Amino acid sequence: MKNKKDDAAHKSEKGSKKDKTSAETKKKAGSTTRSKETSAKVEIPSNNESSIKKLSSKEYEKELCKLQIELVKLHEWVRFKGLKVVVLFEGRDAAGKGGTIKRITECLNPRICRVVALGTPTEKERNQWYFQRYVAQLPTAGEMVLFDRSWYNRAGVEHVMGFCTEPEYQEFLHSGPEFERLLLRAGIILIKYWFSVSNEEQERRFLQRINDPTKRWKLSPMDLESRSRWVEYSRAKDQMFLYTSLPESPWWVVNSDDKMRARLNCIHHLLGQIPYDDLTPAPIELPARQPDTGYVRPPKSDQSFVPEVY
């Protein structure tokens, strides 16, 4: 009797352990399933929703001021050494190229640093060698030229929108790198930036422009068309990088969903691309004004003044 009772107890204990193990296995399986279901529903946050601390306007202005002082030193070095600098700004519409260019040039001498933003080519220009109108804008010694879009129009908008033929596009992909190597051999410093913006952020900026009368002019029919061809532009950009990101002149990608960070990061990187020394002049003393020797000015009634409305 004792053996039978022990056997029964042993079987009962074994069955209990088996049921427990089975329950734990099911529990783990259910947990894994829920984990997979949860992870499938999680959306990758945009830069605006990321855990990165957002820059305050005060922090941004403080850092921008420091960088702009360095830009003044850089452009003075470019003038002093007779350097020829070309910086290309490319990217999707509303990616932040124009805002960055504005902050770079804000404190610089326009005779040393100028911006080139060419419009639609004329009939004469369409029949020239493709690079010809861009060659005319290249810097002379002691100059920096910032291209707000450049010869890479052919690899982007012209290709996607059908403004050039397939043979013309293929020719550009092969001749573009040779053109840039020619510039580099001529002593030109070439720096290329691609501003990368997410689909969601571009949409937000487009809507902001639509709703703001002071920014609506920034939206062209071509910009709106680019929204419906997002994937085509992505393919064109990837193909462009494949052919034209050279070891001697690579494409530098600027993450631009956060405009303030994008501007600071781009300017900081630009400063690091050209070694320069500080040529800040000695403190300046303001000379005394010329003494009055009896000159009598004409009456103010003879002048036309702007009405003081404010």
Protein backbone atom coordinates (compact mmCIF):
# COMPACT_ATOMS: atom_id res chain seq x y z
CA MET A 1 0.00 0.00 0.00
CA LYS A 2 2.80 2.32 0.81
CA ASN A 3 4.46 1.73 -2.56
CA LYS A 4 1.21 2.39 -4.40
CA LYS A 5 0.68 5.60 -2.43
CA ASP A 6 4.26 6.71 -3.15
CA ASP A 7 3.83 5.93 -6.84
CA ALA A 8 0.60 7.92 -6.93
CA ALA A 9 2.23 10.84 -5.12
CA HIS A 10 5.22 10.69 -7.46
CA LYS A 11 2.93 10.70 -10.52
CA SER A 12 0.90 13.56 -9.07
CA GLU A 13 4.05 15.57 -8.35
CA LYS A 14 5.42 14.81 -11.83
CA GLY A 15 2.13 15.85 -13.44
CA SER A 16 2.09 19.03 -11.36
CA LYS A 17 5.62 19.89 -12.46
CA LYS A 18 4.71 19.17 -16.09
CA ASP A 19 1.62 21.38 -15.87
CA LYS A 20 3.69 24.13 -14.24
CA THR A 21 6.38 23.89 -16.91
CA SER A 22 3.72 23.96 -19.63
CA ALA A 23 2.10 27.01 -18.05
CA GLU A 24 5.45 28.80 -17.82
CA THR A 25 6.20 27.96 -21.46
CA LYS A 26 2.81 29.34 -22.54
CA LYS A 27 3.36 32.42 -20.39
CA LYS A 28 6.76 33.06 -22.02
CA ALA A 29 5.33 32.46 -25.47
CA GLY A 30 2.49 34.87 -24.74
CA SER A 31 4.94 37.44 -23.41
CA THR A 32 7.10 37.10 -26.54
CA THR A 33 4.05 37.46 -28.77
CA ARG A 34 2.91 40.58 -26.93
CA SER A 35 6.46 41.95 -27.13
CA LYS A 36 6.50 41.42 -30.90
CA GLU A 37 3.07 42.98 -31.27
CA THR A 38 4.15 45.98 -29.20
CA SER A 39 7.42 46.47 -31.11
CA ALA A 40 5.53 46.28 -34.41
CA LYS A 41 3.32 49.17 -33.33
CA VAL A 42 6.16 51.41 -32.14
CA GLU A 43 6.92 54.20 -34.60
CA ILE A 44 10.41 55.59 -34.92
CA PRO A 45 10.19 59.12 -33.49
CA SER A 46 11.14 62.07 -35.61
CA ASN A 47 14.00 64.30 -34.54
CA ASN A 48 11.49 66.66 -32.94
CA GLU A 49 10.26 63.82 -30.69
CA SER A 50 13.63 62.30 -29.86
CA SER A 51 15.22 62.20 -26.46
CA ILE A 52 17.87 64.72 -27.57
CA LYS A 53 17.47 67.89 -25.57
CA LYS A 54 16.05 70.69 -27.69
CA LEU A 55 18.28 73.73 -28.03
CA SER A 56 16.85 76.85 -26.50
CA SER A 57 16.96 80.04 -28.55
CA LYS A 58 19.42 81.50 -26.06
CA GLU A 59 21.81 78.53 -26.41
CA TYR A 60 21.48 78.61 -30.18
CA GLU A 61 22.21 82.34 -30.45
CA LYS A 62 25.20 81.99 -28.12
CA GLU A 63 26.77 79.18 -30.18
CA LEU A 64 25.91 80.87 -33.47
CA CYS A 65 27.64 84.05 -32.35
CA LYS A 66 30.83 82.11 -31.55
CA LEU A 67 30.77 80.36 -34.93
CA GLN A 68 30.10 83.58 -36.84
CA ILE A 69 33.15 85.20 -35.23
CA GLU A 70 35.20 82.24 -36.49
CA LEU A 71 33.64 82.62 -39.94
CA VAL A 72 34.88 86.22 -40.04
CA LYS A 73 38.38 84.97 -39.24
CA LEU A 74 38.08 82.29 -41.92
CA HIS A 75 36.92 84.63 -44.67
CA GLU A 76 39.69 87.11 -43.79
CA TRP A 77 42.19 84.24 -44.11
CA VAL A 78 40.69 83.32 -47.51
CA ARG A 79 41.21 86.91 -48.67
CA PHE A 80 44.73 87.17 -47.21
CA LYS A 81 45.95 83.86 -48.69
CA GLY A 82 44.14 84.26 -52.01
CA LEU A 83 42.22 81.00 -51.59
CA LYS A 84 39.41 79.94 -53.92
CA VAL A 85 36.58 78.25 -52.03
CA VAL A 86 33.40 76.70 -53.44
CA VAL A 87 30.70 75.34 -51.12
CA LEU A 88 27.70 73.51 -52.60
CA PHE A 89 24.37 73.29 -50.76
CA GLU A 90 22.00 70.63 -52.06
CA GLY A 91 19.01 68.78 -50.66
CA ARG A 92 15.26 68.49 -50.90
CA ASP A 93 13.00 71.53 -50.92
CA ALA A 94 12.56 73.08 -47.44
CA ALA A 95 15.55 71.12 -46.11
CA GLY A 96 17.12 74.26 -44.62
CA LYS A 97 19.81 75.17 -47.16
CA GLY A 98 18.80 78.81 -47.48
CA GLY A 99 18.62 79.39 -43.73
CA THR A 100 22.10 77.98 -43.22
CA ILE A 101 23.55 80.05 -46.06
CA LYS A 102 21.94 83.15 -44.55
CA ARG A 103 23.62 82.52 -41.17
CA ILE A 104 26.99 81.91 -42.81
CA THR A 105 26.95 85.13 -44.82
CA GLU A 106 25.22 87.30 -42.18
CA CYS A 107 28.44 88.80 -40.81
CA LEU A 108 30.72 88.40 -43.83
CA ASN A 109 31.92 90.85 -46.45
CA PRO A 110 29.84 90.24 -49.62
CA ARG A 111 32.88 91.16 -51.71
CA ILE A 112 34.69 88.14 -50.25
CA CYS A 113 31.80 85.73 -49.69
CA ARG A 114 28.97 85.73 -52.24
CA VAL A 115 25.96 83.52 -52.88
CA VAL A 116 25.05 82.08 -56.28
CA ALA A 117 21.46 80.93 -56.84
CA LEU A 118 20.94 80.58 -60.57
CA GLY A 119 17.46 80.49 -62.06
CA THR A 120 16.11 78.52 -64.99
CA PRO A 121 18.68 78.45 -67.82
CA THR A 122 18.02 80.67 -70.83
CA GLU A 123 17.73 79.30 -74.36
CA LYS A 124 21.36 80.27 -74.97
CA GLU A 125 22.50 78.54 -71.76
CA ARG A 126 20.57 75.38 -72.63
CA ASN A 127 22.64 75.09 -75.78
CA GLN A 128 25.98 75.65 -74.03
CA TRP A 129 28.24 73.06 -72.46
CA TYR A 130 26.28 72.09 -69.35
CA PHE A 131 28.87 73.34 -66.84
CA GLN A 132 29.52 76.61 -68.68
CA ARG A 133 27.19 78.89 -66.75
CA TYR A 134 28.53 77.55 -63.45
CA VAL A 135 32.14 78.08 -64.51
CA ALA A 136 31.33 81.78 -64.93
CA GLN A 137 30.40 81.92 -61.22
CA LEU A 138 33.54 80.27 -59.83
CA PRO A 139 35.63 82.29 -57.37
CA THR A 140 38.70 84.34 -58.13
CA ALA A 141 41.63 84.39 -55.68
CA GLY A 142 40.51 85.51 -52.22
CA GLU A 143 36.85 84.59 -52.72
CA MET A 144 34.28 82.18 -51.25
CA VAL A 145 31.28 81.23 -53.37
CA LEU A 146 28.27 79.48 -51.83
CA PHE A 147 26.05 77.74 -54.40
CA ASP A 148 22.40 77.51 -53.35
CA ARG A 149 21.86 74.54 -55.69
CA SER A 150 24.46 73.92 -58.33
CA TRP A 151 25.35 71.78 -61.33
CA TYR A 152 23.76 68.90 -59.41
CA ASN A 153 20.38 70.14 -60.65
CA ARG A 154 20.94 67.74 -63.54
CA ALA A 155 21.22 64.75 -61.21
CA GLY A 156 18.12 65.81 -59.26
CA VAL A 157 15.27 67.97 -60.50
CA GLU A 158 16.20 67.84 -64.20
CA HIS A 159 16.40 64.06 -64.18
CA VAL A 160 13.29 63.43 -62.07
CA MET A 161 11.12 66.02 -63.84
CA GLY A 162 12.29 65.03 -67.32
CA PHE A 163 14.00 68.33 -68.15
CA CYS A 164 17.00 66.48 -69.57
CA THR A 165 17.31 63.38 -71.69
CA GLU A 166 18.55 60.04 -70.35
CA PRO A 167 21.84 60.32 -72.34
CA GLU A 168 22.38 63.83 -70.89
CA TYR A 169 21.78 62.49 -67.39
CA GLN A 170 24.16 59.55 -67.87
CA GLU A 171 26.79 61.89 -69.33
CA PHE A 172 26.53 64.11 -66.25
CA LEU A 173 27.08 61.20 -63.86
CA HIS A 174 30.34 60.41 -65.65
CA SER A 175 31.55 63.92 -66.49
CA GLY A 176 30.58 65.50 -63.13
CA PRO A 177 33.42 63.83 -61.19
CA GLU A 178 35.90 64.75 -63.93
CA PHE A 179 34.73 68.37 -63.81
CA GLU A 180 35.26 68.46 -60.04
CA ARG A 181 38.70 66.88 -60.29
CA LEU A 182 39.56 69.63 -62.76
CA LEU A 183 38.48 72.25 -60.20
CA LEU A 184 40.53 70.58 -57.48
CA ARG A 185 43.62 70.45 -59.71
CA ALA A 186 43.14 74.17 -60.37
CA GLY A 187 43.52 74.82 -56.64
CA ILE A 188 39.83 75.30 -55.80
CA ILE A 189 38.69 74.06 -52.40
CA LEU A 190 35.39 72.22 -53.02
CA ILE A 191 33.02 71.29 -50.17
CA LYS A 192 29.65 69.61 -50.83
CA TYR A 193 26.72 69.48 -48.36
CA TRP A 194 23.50 67.52 -48.70
CA PHE A 195 20.71 68.62 -46.32
CA SER A 196 18.62 65.61 -45.34
CA VAL A 197 15.04 66.18 -44.17
CA SER A 198 12.41 63.59 -43.29
CA ASN A 199 9.13 63.23 -45.10
CA GLU A 200 7.16 64.33 -42.02
CA GLU A 201 9.30 67.40 -41.38
CA GLN A 202 9.20 68.53 -45.00
CA GLU A 203 5.41 68.25 -44.96
CA ARG A 204 5.25 70.34 -41.76
CA ARG A 205 7.45 73.04 -43.30
CA PHE A 206 5.45 73.08 -46.53
CA LEU A 207 2.21 73.56 -44.58
CA GLN A 208 3.87 76.30 -42.54
CA ARG A 209 4.79 78.12 -45.75
CA ILE A 210 1.29 77.71 -47.15
CA ASN A 211 -0.22 79.25 -44.01
CA ASP A 212 2.31 82.10 -43.71
CA PRO A 213 1.83 84.93 -46.27
CA THR A 214 5.45 86.04 -45.78
CA LYS A 215 6.78 82.58 -46.73
CA ARG A 216 4.31 81.50 -49.41
CA TRP A 217 6.58 82.77 -52.17
CA LYS A 218 9.07 80.05 -51.19
CA LEU A 219 6.69 77.37 -52.52
CA SER A 220 6.91 76.94 -56.28
CA PRO A 221 4.83 74.52 -58.40
CA MET A 222 8.04 72.48 -58.72
CA ASP A 223 8.31 72.22 -54.91
CA LEU A 224 4.76 70.90 -54.68
CA GLU A 225 5.40 68.42 -57.49
CA SER A 226 8.46 67.13 -55.63
CA ARG A 227 6.18 65.94 -52.79
CA SER A 228 4.41 63.50 -55.09
CA ARG A 229 7.77 62.22 -56.40
CA TRP A 230 9.47 61.66 -53.05
CA VAL A 231 10.68 58.14 -53.88
CA GLU A 232 11.97 59.16 -57.31
CA TYR A 233 14.03 61.94 -55.73
CA SER A 234 15.37 59.44 -53.17
CA ARG A 235 16.54 57.13 -55.95
CA ALA A 236 18.11 60.04 -57.84
CA LYS A 237 19.98 61.20 -54.72
CA ASP A 238 21.33 57.69 -54.02
CA GLN A 239 22.51 57.34 -57.62
CA MET A 240 24.14 60.78 -57.46
CA PHE A 241 26.02 59.85 -54.30
CA LEU A 242 27.16 56.58 -55.87
CA TYR A 243 28.81 58.35 -58.81
CA THR A 244 29.90 61.71 -57.37
CA SER A 245 30.91 61.20 -53.73
CA LEU A 246 34.65 61.15 -54.39
CA PRO A 247 37.38 60.45 -51.83
CA GLU A 248 38.85 63.87 -52.59
CA SER A 249 35.45 65.64 -52.53
CA PRO A 250 32.84 63.59 -50.63
CA TRP A 251 29.24 64.49 -49.94
CA TRP A 252 28.72 65.59 -46.33
CA VAL A 253 25.18 64.86 -45.10
CA VAL A 254 23.59 67.34 -42.68
CA ASN A 255 20.65 66.00 -40.65
CA SER A 256 18.32 68.97 -40.88
CA ASP A 257 15.05 68.03 -39.16
CA ASP A 258 16.23 70.31 -36.33
CA LYS A 259 17.03 73.57 -38.11
CA MET A 260 19.04 75.16 -35.33
CA ARG A 261 21.27 72.13 -34.81
CA ALA A 262 21.68 71.70 -38.57
CA ARG A 263 22.94 75.27 -38.98
CA LEU A 264 25.39 75.00 -36.09
CA ASN A 265 26.66 71.58 -37.18
CA CYS A 266 27.16 72.65 -40.79
CA ILE A 267 29.01 75.86 -39.90
CA HIS A 268 31.18 74.04 -37.35
CA HIS A 269 32.08 71.43 -39.98
CA LEU A 270 32.81 74.07 -42.63
CA LEU A 271 35.24 75.82 -40.29
CA GLY A 272 37.08 72.52 -39.85
CA GLN A 273 37.53 71.98 -43.58
CA ILE A 274 39.86 74.94 -44.17
CA PRO A 275 42.81 75.50 -41.81
CA TYR A 276 43.07 79.21 -40.97
CA ASP A 277 44.90 81.58 -38.65
CA ASP A 278 43.44 84.44 -36.65
CA LEU A 279 44.22 87.70 -38.47
CA THR A 280 42.14 89.90 -36.20
CA PRO A 281 43.64 93.42 -36.44
CA ALA A 282 44.95 95.37 -33.47
CA PRO A 283 42.41 97.46 -31.49
CA ILE A 284 41.15 100.40 -33.55
CA GLU A 285 40.98 103.95 -32.23
CA LEU A 286 38.27 106.22 -33.58
CA PRO A 287 39.77 109.52 -34.83
CA ALA A 288 38.40 112.83 -33.55
CA ARG A 289 35.82 114.56 -35.70
CA GLN A 290 36.95 117.39 -37.95
CA PRO A 291 36.42 120.74 -36.16
CA ASP A 292 33.67 123.06 -37.36
CA THR A 293 35.23 125.99 -39.26
CA GLY A 294 32.07 128.02 -39.83
CA TYR A 295 30.34 125.86 -42.44
CA VAL A 296 26.60 126.69 -42.62
CA ARG A 297 24.32 123.87 -43.69
CA PRO A 298 21.29 124.56 -45.91
CA PRO A 299 17.88 124.72 -44.18
CA LYS A 300 16.10 121.43 -43.54
CA SER A 301 13.06 122.77 -45.37
CA ASP A 302 15.01 122.24 -48.62
CA GLN A 303 15.11 118.47 -48.01
CA SER A 304 12.47 115.77 -48.44
CA PHE A 305 12.10 113.60 -45.34
CA VAL A 306 10.49 110.19 -45.00
CA PRO A 307 7.19 110.61 -43.05
CA GLU A 308 7.60 109.47 -39.44
CA VAL A 309 4.62 107.13 -39.30
CA TYR A 310 6.03 105.13 -36.39
